[in-house]
Amino acid sequence: MRKVFMVLLIAVVVLTGVFAQGAQETSGVKTYKVGVGIYQFDDNFMTLYRNEILAYFKTLETANVKYNVTIVDGKNDMAEQSNQVDNFITQGMDVIILNLVQTSSADAIIDKIVAAGIPLVLINREPLAYAKDGSTLDESYEGILKNPKVCYVGADARQSGSFQGRIIAELPDHGDVNKDGVVSYIMIEGDPENIDAQYRTEFSIKYLKDQGIKVNCLDDQVGNWAQAKGQEICANALAKYGKDIEVVFCNNDAMALGAAAAIQAAGRTVGKDIYLVGVDALDECVEMVKNGTMTGTVLNDHIGQSHTAVDVAVELLLGNPIKNYYWVDYVMVTK
């Protein structure tokens, strides 16, 4: 009798272990465990993004299928996020959606998750997988492009940068407020390691140059996506360069909000003696574009991106084939 009991006990332990590593099914209801890692909760855009992930998963639930979604804050610390990924693996997540703190750590993170047999959807921060000229995928990249259960969902940041440049180029004076034949600007960048920051910085100015517009960079500083830092950088630049600054380019809207406060404090007027552009199309910034206190922004479609990421995650849960890349277009926003 004792031997039979021990056999049954072992069977229960084994089955419990099996269910811990995959979707749990109780009374005909299958529950998938989804781990979502966000690089930093204290980010305007990623707050919209993660909230939409949660909301959209809820809309996909049925009487027989549920999604247990756990979202964690990486606190902009790669070591913290790596530990969170380890916890996701230990918890036996069925799929992981990950917004990397550092794209340079993509290979290590991908390898860790793939080794655990968990499908992975990378979002918002693109691993460096393009050739340097931006024209073709770099086939030497050994991470995302080589695994059928790993993909990236995002928007091409080159497009957002180009749209920023286009907003300025299509102004009546093409951004040349003082009519000296040169557009003098300052650039407020996000995280310098982030490919989105790099592309937005490069392609906003490239667009102007491609239109035959001469440019002069007065200052280029890193604001790390933060509103307070954007305000500080813009305020310092305005104090140093004064009316020589004709355009303020910001890699995101949070920093543009800070820059707008600095511009107002300096007695400058957007649309009259200075221009200001950002990226993300946060509600507050769209209102500012409407009332003229911001020249323009670029919609970073958090709904399209988050829904695509969730849809792909569901395909992976079902064992269906996926593509390695899913692109969602940016949209130019002007008055």
Protein backbone atom coordinates (compact mmCIF):
# COMPACT_ATOMS: atom_id res chain seq x y z
CA MET A 1 0.00 0.00 0.00
CA ARG A 2 2.84 2.33 0.89
CA LYS A 3 4.54 1.55 -2.43
CA VAL A 4 1.35 2.44 -4.33
CA PHE A 5 1.09 5.70 -2.38
CA MET A 6 4.68 6.62 -3.23
CA VAL A 7 4.12 5.89 -6.92
CA LEU A 8 1.04 8.12 -6.91
CA LEU A 9 2.93 10.86 -5.06
CA ILE A 10 5.78 10.76 -7.59
CA ALA A 11 3.27 10.91 -10.44
CA VAL A 12 1.64 13.99 -8.92
CA VAL A 13 5.01 15.73 -8.53
CA VAL A 14 6.00 14.93 -12.12
CA LEU A 15 2.68 16.15 -13.50
CA THR A 16 2.89 19.31 -11.40
CA GLY A 17 6.33 19.96 -12.85
CA VAL A 18 5.03 19.45 -16.38
CA PHE A 19 2.18 21.89 -15.91
CA ALA A 20 4.53 24.44 -14.30
CA GLN A 21 6.47 24.57 -17.57
CA GLY A 22 3.47 25.01 -19.84
CA ALA A 23 -0.09 26.27 -20.09
CA GLN A 24 -2.17 25.15 -17.11
CA GLU A 25 -5.53 23.58 -17.81
CA THR A 26 -8.21 23.41 -15.14
CA SER A 27 -11.83 22.42 -15.72
CA GLY A 28 -11.39 22.86 -19.47
CA VAL A 29 -9.87 26.34 -19.13
CA LYS A 30 -6.34 26.70 -20.51
CA THR A 31 -4.29 29.46 -18.83
CA TYR A 32 -1.11 30.70 -20.49
CA LYS A 33 1.59 32.42 -18.45
CA VAL A 34 2.98 35.52 -20.15
CA GLY A 35 6.00 37.40 -18.84
CA VAL A 36 6.43 41.02 -19.97
CA GLY A 37 9.61 42.96 -19.21
CA ILE A 38 9.62 46.74 -19.72
CA TYR A 39 12.92 48.63 -19.66
CA GLN A 40 11.51 51.31 -17.35
CA PHE A 41 8.01 52.02 -16.08
CA ASP A 42 8.92 55.70 -15.69
CA ASP A 43 8.61 56.31 -19.44
CA ASN A 44 5.56 58.03 -20.93
CA PHE A 45 5.44 55.99 -24.12
CA MET A 46 6.17 52.59 -22.56
CA THR A 47 3.46 53.25 -19.96
CA LEU A 48 0.93 53.54 -22.78
CA TYR A 49 2.46 50.48 -24.44
CA ARG A 50 2.38 48.17 -21.41
CA ASN A 51 -1.14 49.23 -20.41
CA GLU A 52 -2.32 48.42 -23.92
CA ILE A 53 -0.62 44.99 -23.78
CA LEU A 54 -2.61 44.17 -20.66
CA ALA A 55 -5.87 45.51 -22.07
CA TYR A 56 -5.50 43.71 -25.40
CA PHE A 57 -4.69 40.34 -23.82
CA LYS A 58 -7.96 40.70 -21.85
CA THR A 59 -9.95 41.20 -25.06
CA LEU A 60 -8.53 37.94 -26.47
CA GLU A 61 -9.63 35.82 -23.53
CA THR A 62 -12.49 33.36 -23.99
CA ALA A 63 -14.40 30.99 -21.75
CA ASN A 64 -11.72 28.37 -22.45
CA VAL A 65 -8.54 30.45 -22.77
CA LYS A 66 -7.05 32.85 -20.21
CA TYR A 67 -3.79 34.79 -20.09
CA ASN A 68 -1.97 35.32 -16.80
CA VAL A 69 0.18 38.35 -17.63
CA THR A 70 3.02 39.44 -15.33
CA ILE A 71 4.66 42.80 -16.16
CA VAL A 72 7.90 43.85 -14.46
CA ASP A 73 9.90 47.10 -14.34
CA GLY A 74 13.52 46.81 -15.47
CA LYS A 75 14.25 50.18 -13.83
CA ASN A 76 16.63 50.95 -16.70
CA ASP A 77 19.09 48.48 -15.16
CA MET A 78 20.34 45.59 -17.32
CA ALA A 79 21.34 43.49 -14.30
CA GLU A 80 17.85 43.94 -12.86
CA GLN A 81 16.24 42.92 -16.14
CA SER A 82 18.51 39.89 -16.48
CA ASN A 83 17.40 38.72 -13.04
CA GLN A 84 13.78 39.26 -14.04
CA VAL A 85 14.30 37.09 -17.12
CA ASP A 86 15.82 34.40 -14.89
CA ASN A 87 12.68 34.58 -12.73
CA PHE A 88 10.45 34.30 -15.81
CA ILE A 89 12.35 31.16 -16.81
CA THR A 90 12.07 29.69 -13.30
CA GLN A 91 8.34 30.45 -13.29
CA GLY A 92 7.95 28.53 -16.56
CA MET A 93 6.49 31.34 -18.65
CA ASP A 94 4.88 30.12 -21.87
CA VAL A 95 6.03 33.21 -23.77
CA ILE A 96 8.07 36.32 -22.95
CA ILE A 97 7.57 39.83 -24.37
CA LEU A 98 10.66 41.92 -23.70
CA ASN A 99 11.56 45.60 -24.03
CA LEU A 100 15.35 45.47 -23.60
CA VAL A 101 17.22 47.83 -21.29
CA GLN A 102 20.30 47.47 -23.49
CA THR A 103 20.14 46.22 -27.07
CA SER A 104 23.83 45.28 -26.83
CA SER A 105 22.76 42.55 -24.40
CA ALA A 106 20.27 41.08 -26.87
CA ASP A 107 22.35 38.01 -27.76
CA ALA A 108 22.87 36.96 -24.15
CA ILE A 109 19.21 37.44 -23.27
CA ILE A 110 17.98 35.65 -26.41
CA ASP A 111 20.33 32.71 -25.83
CA LYS A 112 19.15 32.39 -22.22
CA ILE A 113 15.46 32.39 -23.12
CA VAL A 114 15.87 30.12 -26.17
CA ALA A 115 17.86 27.62 -24.09
CA ALA A 116 14.88 27.47 -21.73
CA GLY A 117 12.59 26.65 -24.67
CA ILE A 118 10.47 29.79 -24.25
CA PRO A 119 9.31 31.81 -27.31
CA LEU A 120 10.39 35.46 -27.27
CA VAL A 121 8.91 38.66 -28.70
CA LEU A 122 11.28 41.63 -28.51
CA ILE A 123 9.58 45.02 -28.65
CA ASN A 124 10.33 48.74 -29.12
CA ARG A 125 14.14 48.54 -28.94
CA GLU A 126 15.56 46.91 -32.03
CA PRO A 127 18.63 44.69 -31.74
CA LEU A 128 21.38 45.85 -34.08
CA ALA A 129 20.76 43.57 -37.02
CA TYR A 130 21.14 45.89 -39.99
CA ALA A 131 24.17 46.51 -42.16
CA LYS A 132 25.84 49.83 -41.42
CA ASP A 133 24.39 51.47 -44.51
CA GLY A 134 20.91 50.53 -43.29
CA SER A 135 20.02 48.85 -46.57
CA THR A 136 20.07 45.15 -45.75
CA LEU A 137 19.80 42.81 -42.83
CA ASP A 138 23.13 41.75 -41.41
CA GLU A 139 23.10 37.96 -41.84
CA SER A 140 26.10 37.60 -39.54
CA TYR A 141 23.86 38.54 -36.63
CA GLU A 142 23.46 35.34 -34.62
CA GLY A 143 20.50 36.27 -32.43
CA ILE A 144 17.03 37.17 -33.59
CA LEU A 145 17.47 36.28 -37.28
CA LYS A 146 18.50 32.71 -36.59
CA ASN A 147 15.66 31.47 -34.41
CA PRO A 148 12.11 30.58 -35.55
CA LYS A 149 10.66 31.35 -32.12
CA VAL A 150 12.19 34.81 -31.67
CA CYS A 151 11.02 38.00 -33.36
CA TYR A 152 11.09 41.78 -33.13
CA VAL A 153 8.03 44.05 -33.26
CA GLY A 154 8.60 47.76 -33.71
CA ALA A 155 8.76 50.77 -35.96
CA ASP A 156 11.66 51.80 -38.19
CA ALA A 157 13.24 54.73 -36.36
CA ARG A 158 14.78 56.01 -39.60
CA GLN A 159 11.25 56.81 -40.72
CA SER A 160 10.52 58.80 -37.54
CA GLY A 161 13.73 60.80 -37.92
CA SER A 162 12.96 61.54 -41.55
CA PHE A 163 9.46 62.71 -40.59
CA GLN A 164 10.95 65.13 -38.04
CA GLY A 165 13.18 66.58 -40.74
CA ARG A 166 10.26 66.74 -43.14
CA ILE A 167 8.14 68.70 -40.62
CA ILE A 168 10.85 71.37 -40.53
CA ALA A 169 11.60 71.28 -44.27
CA GLU A 170 7.93 71.85 -45.14
CA LEU A 171 7.66 75.01 -43.03
CA PRO A 172 7.40 78.23 -45.09
CA ASP A 173 10.92 79.26 -44.01
CA HIS A 174 12.22 75.64 -43.87
CA GLY A 175 13.32 76.26 -40.30
CA ASP A 176 15.54 79.20 -41.19
CA VAL A 177 13.99 81.73 -38.79
CA ASN A 178 16.66 84.42 -39.14
CA LYS A 179 16.91 84.03 -42.93
CA ASP A 180 20.70 83.57 -42.93
CA GLY A 181 20.52 80.56 -45.25
CA VAL A 182 21.40 78.03 -42.53
CA VAL A 183 19.18 76.14 -40.07
CA SER A 184 20.93 76.28 -36.70
CA TYR A 185 19.66 73.62 -34.32
CA ILE A 186 20.22 71.71 -31.10
CA MET A 187 19.64 67.96 -30.77
CA ILE A 188 18.41 66.34 -27.56
CA GLU A 189 19.04 62.60 -27.81
CA GLY A 190 17.61 59.63 -25.95
CA ASP A 191 19.79 56.73 -24.83
CA PRO A 192 22.87 56.89 -27.11
CA GLU A 193 23.06 53.07 -27.25
CA ASN A 194 19.47 52.79 -28.41
CA ILE A 195 19.15 52.36 -32.17
CA ASP A 196 15.98 54.50 -32.20
CA ALA A 197 17.90 57.43 -30.72
CA GLN A 198 20.73 56.95 -33.20
CA TYR A 199 18.44 56.80 -36.23
CA ARG A 200 16.23 59.70 -35.16
CA THR A 201 19.28 61.85 -34.60
CA GLU A 202 20.84 60.91 -37.93
CA PHE A 203 17.83 60.83 -40.25
CA SER A 204 16.14 64.03 -39.05
CA ILE A 205 19.17 66.00 -40.20
CA LYS A 206 19.77 63.80 -43.22
CA TYR A 207 16.30 64.68 -44.52
CA LEU A 208 17.07 68.40 -44.36
CA LYS A 209 20.41 67.92 -46.11
CA ASP A 210 18.78 65.78 -48.79
CA GLN A 211 16.42 68.71 -49.49
CA GLY A 212 19.41 70.98 -50.04
CA ILE A 213 18.94 72.77 -46.71
CA LYS A 214 22.15 73.85 -45.00
CA VAL A 215 22.35 73.01 -41.30
CA ASN A 216 24.51 73.96 -38.33
CA CYS A 217 24.53 71.89 -35.13
CA LEU A 218 24.99 74.22 -32.17
CA ASP A 219 24.64 71.52 -29.51
CA ASP A 220 23.96 67.78 -29.22
CA GLN A 221 23.33 66.36 -25.76
CA VAL A 222 21.97 63.13 -24.27
CA GLY A 223 18.70 63.49 -22.38
CA ASN A 224 18.05 59.75 -21.84
CA TRP A 225 14.37 60.15 -22.80
CA ALA A 226 13.66 62.17 -19.61
CA GLN A 227 11.53 65.31 -19.47
CA ALA A 228 13.60 66.96 -16.71
CA LYS A 229 16.81 66.32 -18.64
CA GLY A 230 15.28 67.70 -21.83
CA GLN A 231 14.38 70.90 -20.00
CA GLU A 232 17.85 71.22 -18.49
CA ILE A 233 19.66 70.68 -21.80
CA CYS A 234 17.42 73.10 -23.70
CA ALA A 235 17.64 75.75 -20.97
CA ASN A 236 21.45 75.59 -20.95
CA ALA A 237 21.60 75.77 -24.74
CA LEU A 238 19.23 78.74 -24.88
CA ALA A 239 21.33 80.55 -22.27
CA LYS A 240 24.49 79.88 -24.28
CA TYR A 241 23.31 80.36 -27.88
CA GLY A 242 20.24 82.56 -27.45
CA LYS A 243 18.41 83.48 -30.65
CA ASP A 244 20.93 81.58 -32.76
CA ILE A 245 18.89 78.44 -31.99
CA GLU A 246 16.19 78.08 -34.63
CA VAL A 247 15.12 74.45 -34.19
CA VAL A 248 15.07 72.06 -31.23
CA PHE A 249 15.02 68.39 -32.23
CA CYS A 250 14.06 65.93 -29.49
CA ASN A 251 14.25 62.15 -29.90
CA ASN A 252 11.00 61.77 -27.96
CA ASP A 253 8.06 63.80 -26.69
CA ALA A 254 8.98 63.58 -23.01
CA MET A 255 12.18 65.53 -23.68
CA ALA A 256 10.23 67.85 -25.98
CA LEU A 257 7.88 68.66 -23.11
CA GLY A 258 10.89 69.66 -21.04
CA ALA A 259 12.30 71.68 -23.93
CA ALA A 260 8.96 73.46 -24.34
CA ALA A 261 9.09 74.58 -20.70
CA ALA A 262 12.64 75.88 -21.19
CA ILE A 263 11.65 77.71 -24.38
CA GLN A 264 8.76 79.43 -22.62
CA ALA A 265 10.94 80.34 -19.62
CA ALA A 266 13.48 81.90 -21.98
CA GLY A 267 10.82 84.15 -23.51
CA ARG A 268 10.90 82.41 -26.89
CA THR A 269 7.76 81.58 -28.88
CA VAL A 270 7.39 78.32 -30.82
CA GLY A 271 6.24 79.02 -34.37
CA LYS A 272 7.46 82.59 -34.23
CA ASP A 273 11.18 82.63 -33.41
CA ILE A 274 11.93 78.92 -32.78
CA TYR A 275 10.62 75.47 -33.76
CA LEU A 276 10.26 72.31 -31.65
CA VAL A 277 9.71 68.71 -32.76
CA GLY A 278 9.47 65.39 -30.92
CA VAL A 279 8.42 61.77 -31.41
CA ASP A 280 5.64 59.65 -29.83
CA ALA A 281 2.54 61.88 -30.27
CA LEU A 282 1.71 61.82 -26.57
CA ASP A 283 -1.77 63.30 -25.99
CA GLU A 284 -0.31 66.40 -24.33
CA CYS A 285 2.04 67.00 -27.24
CA VAL A 286 -0.69 66.52 -29.85
CA GLU A 287 -2.66 69.24 -28.03
CA MET A 288 0.43 71.46 -28.10
CA VAL A 289 0.76 70.91 -31.85
CA LYS A 290 -2.88 71.91 -32.24
CA ASN A 291 -2.43 75.13 -30.25
CA GLY A 292 0.93 75.95 -31.83
CA THR A 293 3.20 75.55 -28.79
CA MET A 294 4.93 72.63 -30.51
CA THR A 295 5.76 72.52 -34.21
CA GLY A 296 5.14 68.83 -34.75
CA THR A 297 5.62 65.30 -33.52
CA VAL A 298 5.59 61.79 -34.97
CA LEU A 299 3.08 59.17 -33.90
CA ASN A 300 4.84 56.14 -32.47
CA ASP A 301 1.85 53.82 -32.70
CA HIS A 302 1.78 52.10 -29.31
CA ILE A 303 -1.58 50.52 -30.09
CA GLY A 304 -0.46 49.03 -33.41
CA GLN A 305 2.83 47.85 -31.93
CA SER A 306 1.39 46.40 -28.71
CA HIS A 307 -1.43 44.62 -30.53
CA THR A 308 1.00 43.17 -33.07
CA ALA A 309 3.30 41.99 -30.26
CA VAL A 310 0.41 40.28 -28.48
CA ASP A 311 -0.91 38.74 -31.70
CA VAL A 312 2.52 37.29 -32.48
CA ALA A 313 2.88 36.03 -28.89
CA VAL A 314 -0.43 34.19 -29.28
CA GLU A 315 0.74 32.65 -32.56
CA LEU A 316 3.85 31.41 -30.76
CA LEU A 317 1.72 29.96 -27.95
CA LEU A 318 -0.27 28.06 -30.56
CA GLY A 319 2.94 26.77 -32.15
CA ASN A 320 2.34 28.59 -35.43
CA PRO A 321 5.20 29.86 -37.63
CA ILE A 322 6.13 33.55 -37.38
CA LYS A 323 8.31 36.08 -39.17
CA ASN A 324 11.42 37.48 -37.52
CA TYR A 325 10.38 41.12 -38.05
CA TYR A 326 7.06 42.97 -37.82
CA TRP A 327 7.06 46.67 -38.72
CA VAL A 328 4.46 49.29 -37.75
CA ASP A 329 4.59 52.62 -39.57
CA TYR A 330 5.09 55.99 -37.89
CA VAL A 331 2.73 58.85 -38.75
CA MET A 332 3.72 62.52 -39.10
CA VAL A 333 1.65 64.86 -36.87
CA THR A 334 1.40 68.59 -37.67
CA LYS A 335 -1.17 71.28 -37.09
